[in-house]
Amino acid sequence: MSWLDFIDQDNEEVLSFYLWLQGLAEVDQELVIGRIRALRELAAAGEIDEFDEESLVPIRRDPDLYELRWNELGTLIRQYHGEPPSRPEVLVNLHLHIKRISPTSEAVTEDLQNIEISHALMRYRGGESRSWQS
């Protein structure tokens, strides 16, 4: 299985991730990018094992979406992807962001996360309706 990138590069949260990444030392950038690629490849190959099962989580609101999780240098990174029936040979990257944590409220943290999941769902449904053409 391979990856299809359908991430909205102009999305504010995606841009925030890339700004954060650019602010790291070059060696740390390479480390983060390497870990992201490695986990994506494991997911595409169906090889995330029981020791790493917290890195791949189905989205409760929509069983077609999954969340990949990284904790890189103290920053929580999330990526949502889908496995569309129309393209069974690929996993589709839908959205990438840094998870924001409210210091005072788990409910606020959950609301912030749900906004990002909603964006991924919108990308998924829009991609399906356009046969994954940008």
C-alpha atoms as a PDB file:
ATOM      1  CA  MET A   1       0.000   0.000   0.000  1.00  0.00           C
ATOM      2  CA  SER A   2       1.215   3.513  -0.711  1.00  0.00           C
ATOM      3  CA  TRP A   3       0.409   7.066   0.400  1.00  0.00           C
ATOM      4  CA  LEU A   4      -1.530   9.769  -1.422  1.00  0.00           C
ATOM      5  CA  ASP A   5      -0.974  13.265  -0.031  1.00  0.00           C
ATOM      6  CA  PHE A   6      -4.258  15.202   0.123  1.00  0.00           C
ATOM      7  CA  ILE A   7      -3.260  17.612   2.899  1.00  0.00           C
ATOM      8  CA  ASP A   8      -4.344  21.240   2.506  1.00  0.00           C
ATOM      9  CA  GLN A   9      -0.930  22.936   2.615  1.00  0.00           C
ATOM     10  CA  ASP A  10      -2.594  26.351   3.085  1.00  0.00           C
ATOM     11  CA  ASN A  11      -4.424  25.329   6.260  1.00  0.00           C
ATOM     12  CA  GLU A  12      -3.335  27.416   9.266  1.00  0.00           C
ATOM     13  CA  GLU A  13      -2.676  24.364  11.450  1.00  0.00           C
ATOM     14  CA  VAL A  14      -0.608  22.656   8.743  1.00  0.00           C
ATOM     15  CA  LEU A  15       1.394  25.856   8.284  1.00  0.00           C
ATOM     16  CA  SER A  16       1.934  26.017  12.056  1.00  0.00           C
ATOM     17  CA  PHE A  17       3.399  22.516  11.967  1.00  0.00           C
ATOM     18  CA  TYR A  18       5.833  23.459   9.185  1.00  0.00           C
ATOM     19  CA  LEU A  19       6.833  26.678  10.971  1.00  0.00           C
ATOM     20  CA  TRP A  20       7.528  24.669  14.122  1.00  0.00           C
ATOM     21  CA  LEU A  21       9.565  22.177  12.094  1.00  0.00           C
ATOM     22  CA  GLN A  22      11.594  24.952  10.412  1.00  0.00           C
ATOM     23  CA  GLY A  23      12.401  26.394  13.824  1.00  0.00           C
ATOM     24  CA  LEU A  24      14.230  23.227  14.845  1.00  0.00           C
ATOM     25  CA  ALA A  25      17.913  22.577  14.358  1.00  0.00           C
ATOM     26  CA  GLU A  26      18.591  20.750  11.093  1.00  0.00           C
ATOM     27  CA  VAL A  27      19.462  17.498  12.855  1.00  0.00           C
ATOM     28  CA  ASP A  28      16.166  17.629  14.784  1.00  0.00           C
ATOM     29  CA  GLN A  29      14.238  18.385  11.592  1.00  0.00           C
ATOM     30  CA  GLU A  30      15.715  15.287   9.984  1.00  0.00           C
ATOM     31  CA  LEU A  31      14.911  13.210  13.079  1.00  0.00           C
ATOM     32  CA  VAL A  32      11.258  14.331  13.123  1.00  0.00           C
ATOM     33  CA  ILE A  33      10.794  13.853   9.377  1.00  0.00           C
ATOM     34  CA  GLY A  34      12.392  10.410   9.573  1.00  0.00           C
ATOM     35  CA  ARG A  35      10.117   9.307  12.401  1.00  0.00           C
ATOM     36  CA  ILE A  36       7.031  10.607  10.596  1.00  0.00           C
ATOM     37  CA  ARG A  37       7.999   8.742   7.431  1.00  0.00           C
ATOM     38  CA  ALA A  38       8.771   5.567   9.353  1.00  0.00           C
ATOM     39  CA  LEU A  39       5.395   5.497  11.123  1.00  0.00           C
ATOM     40  CA  ARG A  40       3.562   6.292   7.884  1.00  0.00           C
ATOM     41  CA  GLU A  41       5.356   3.412   6.162  1.00  0.00           C
ATOM     42  CA  LEU A  42       4.501   1.022   8.996  1.00  0.00           C
ATOM     43  CA  ALA A  43       0.851   2.088   8.806  1.00  0.00           C
ATOM     44  CA  ALA A  44       0.752   1.634   5.032  1.00  0.00           C
ATOM     45  CA  ALA A  45       2.288  -1.825   5.377  1.00  0.00           C
ATOM     46  CA  GLY A  46      -0.132  -2.759   8.185  1.00  0.00           C
ATOM     47  CA  GLU A  47       2.823  -3.384  10.474  1.00  0.00           C
ATOM     48  CA  ILE A  48       2.095  -1.256  13.522  1.00  0.00           C
ATOM     49  CA  ASP A  49       2.336  -3.908  16.212  1.00  0.00           C
ATOM     50  CA  GLU A  50       0.916  -4.200  19.702  1.00  0.00           C
ATOM     51  CA  PHE A  51       3.894  -2.329  21.182  1.00  0.00           C
ATOM     52  CA  ASP A  52       3.082   0.710  19.060  1.00  0.00           C
ATOM     53  CA  GLU A  53      -0.715   0.454  18.940  1.00  0.00           C
ATOM     54  CA  GLU A  54      -1.179   3.886  20.541  1.00  0.00           C
ATOM     55  CA  SER A  55       0.438   5.420  17.449  1.00  0.00           C
ATOM     56  CA  LEU A  56      -2.505   4.457  15.220  1.00  0.00           C
ATOM     57  CA  VAL A  57      -6.008   5.114  16.514  1.00  0.00           C
ATOM     58  CA  PRO A  58      -9.355   4.866  14.676  1.00  0.00           C
ATOM     59  CA  ILE A  59     -11.493   8.006  14.872  1.00  0.00           C
ATOM     60  CA  ARG A  60     -14.689   7.264  16.811  1.00  0.00           C
ATOM     61  CA  ARG A  61     -16.744   9.808  14.844  1.00  0.00           C
ATOM     62  CA  ASP A  62     -15.899   8.243  11.502  1.00  0.00           C
ATOM     63  CA  PRO A  63     -14.552   4.710  11.111  1.00  0.00           C
ATOM     64  CA  ASP A  64     -13.057   5.602   7.706  1.00  0.00           C
ATOM     65  CA  LEU A  65     -10.457   7.844   9.383  1.00  0.00           C
ATOM     66  CA  TYR A  66      -7.417   7.027  11.473  1.00  0.00           C
ATOM     67  CA  GLU A  67      -5.079   9.159  13.545  1.00  0.00           C
ATOM     68  CA  LEU A  68      -1.323   8.699  13.559  1.00  0.00           C
ATOM     69  CA  ARG A  69       0.355  10.110  16.662  1.00  0.00           C
ATOM     70  CA  TRP A  70       3.854  11.326  17.345  1.00  0.00           C
ATOM     71  CA  ASN A  71       5.434  12.924  20.390  1.00  0.00           C
ATOM     72  CA  GLU A  72       8.473  14.656  18.957  1.00  0.00           C
ATOM     73  CA  LEU A  73      10.698  16.773  21.171  1.00  0.00           C
ATOM     74  CA  GLY A  74       7.773  17.352  23.543  1.00  0.00           C
ATOM     75  CA  THR A  75       5.406  18.354  20.728  1.00  0.00           C
ATOM     76  CA  LEU A  76       2.325  16.253  20.012  1.00  0.00           C
ATOM     77  CA  ILE A  77       1.873  15.805  16.262  1.00  0.00           C
ATOM     78  CA  ARG A  78      -1.275  14.337  14.741  1.00  0.00           C
ATOM     79  CA  GLN A  79      -2.034  13.198  11.214  1.00  0.00           C
ATOM     80  CA  TYR A  80      -5.383  11.946   9.965  1.00  0.00           C
ATOM     81  CA  HIS A  81      -5.692   9.603   7.040  1.00  0.00           C
ATOM     82  CA  GLY A  82      -8.333   7.520   5.362  1.00  0.00           C
ATOM     83  CA  GLU A  83      -8.544   4.312   3.398  1.00  0.00           C
ATOM     84  CA  PRO A  84     -11.103   5.162   0.712  1.00  0.00           C
ATOM     85  CA  PRO A  85     -12.979   2.260  -0.898  1.00  0.00           C
ATOM     86  CA  SER A  86     -12.475   3.942  -4.282  1.00  0.00           C
ATOM     87  CA  ARG A  87      -8.670   3.716  -3.851  1.00  0.00           C
ATOM     88  CA  PRO A  88      -7.982   0.520  -1.868  1.00  0.00           C
ATOM     89  CA  GLU A  89      -4.306   0.587  -2.848  1.00  0.00           C
ATOM     90  CA  VAL A  90      -3.548   3.828  -0.945  1.00  0.00           C
ATOM     91  CA  LEU A  91      -3.795   5.519   2.405  1.00  0.00           C
ATOM     92  CA  VAL A  92      -4.747   9.164   1.931  1.00  0.00           C
ATOM     93  CA  ASN A  93      -3.094  11.831   4.120  1.00  0.00           C
ATOM     94  CA  LEU A  94      -5.842  14.299   4.982  1.00  0.00           C
ATOM     95  CA  HIS A  95      -4.587  16.640   7.692  1.00  0.00           C
ATOM     96  CA  LEU A  96      -1.503  17.247   9.828  1.00  0.00           C
ATOM     97  CA  HIS A  97      -1.282  19.464  12.914  1.00  0.00           C
ATOM     98  CA  ILE A  98       0.241  20.039  16.301  1.00  0.00           C
ATOM     99  CA  LYS A  99      -2.174  19.025  19.034  1.00  0.00           C
ATOM    100  CA  ARG A 100      -3.060  21.946  21.249  1.00  0.00           C
ATOM    101  CA  ILE A 101      -3.607  21.241  24.943  1.00  0.00           C
ATOM    102  CA  SER A 102      -5.627  23.528  27.171  1.00  0.00           C
ATOM    103  CA  PRO A 103      -3.868  23.919  30.515  1.00  0.00           C
ATOM    104  CA  THR A 104      -7.212  24.344  32.279  1.00  0.00           C
ATOM    105  CA  SER A 105      -9.784  22.139  30.566  1.00  0.00           C
ATOM    106  CA  GLU A 106      -9.859  18.688  29.007  1.00  0.00           C
ATOM    107  CA  ALA A 107     -13.135  19.671  27.325  1.00  0.00           C
ATOM    108  CA  VAL A 108     -11.419  22.576  25.556  1.00  0.00           C
ATOM    109  CA  THR A 109      -8.597  20.265  24.468  1.00  0.00           C
ATOM    110  CA  GLU A 110     -11.170  17.822  23.091  1.00  0.00           C
ATOM    111  CA  ASP A 111     -13.009  20.636  21.287  1.00  0.00           C
ATOM    112  CA  LEU A 112      -9.750  21.799  19.691  1.00  0.00           C
ATOM    113  CA  GLN A 113      -9.013  18.244  18.566  1.00  0.00           C
ATOM    114  CA  ASN A 114     -12.527  17.836  17.181  1.00  0.00           C
ATOM    115  CA  ILE A 115     -12.025  20.932  15.015  1.00  0.00           C
ATOM    116  CA  GLU A 116      -8.993  19.248  13.436  1.00  0.00           C
ATOM    117  CA  ILE A 117     -10.858  15.963  12.979  1.00  0.00           C
ATOM    118  CA  SER A 118     -13.722  17.857  11.330  1.00  0.00           C
ATOM    119  CA  HIS A 119     -11.249  19.392   8.895  1.00  0.00           C
ATOM    120  CA  ALA A 120      -9.901  15.916   8.075  1.00  0.00           C
ATOM    121  CA  LEU A 121     -13.457  14.645   7.529  1.00  0.00           C
ATOM    122  CA  MET A 122     -14.166  17.557   5.185  1.00  0.00           C
ATOM    123  CA  ARG A 123     -10.999  16.740   3.201  1.00  0.00           C
ATOM    124  CA  TYR A 124     -11.991  13.064   3.075  1.00  0.00           C
ATOM    125  CA  ARG A 125     -15.510  13.690   1.835  1.00  0.00           C
ATOM    126  CA  GLY A 126     -14.331  16.329  -0.637  1.00  0.00           C
ATOM    127  CA  GLY A 127     -11.598  14.062  -1.949  1.00  0.00           C
ATOM    128  CA  GLU A 128     -13.974  11.170  -2.438  1.00  0.00           C
ATOM    129  CA  SER A 129     -16.423  13.368  -4.348  1.00  0.00           C
ATOM    130  CA  ARG A 130     -13.613  14.585  -6.657  1.00  0.00           C
ATOM    131  CA  SER A 131     -11.920  11.178  -7.064  1.00  0.00           C
ATOM    132  CA  TRP A 132      -8.923  12.515  -5.109  1.00  0.00           C
ATOM    133  CA  GLN A 133      -8.055  15.198  -7.683  1.00  0.00           C
ATOM    134  CA  SER A 134      -6.886  18.496  -6.146  1.00  0.00           C
END
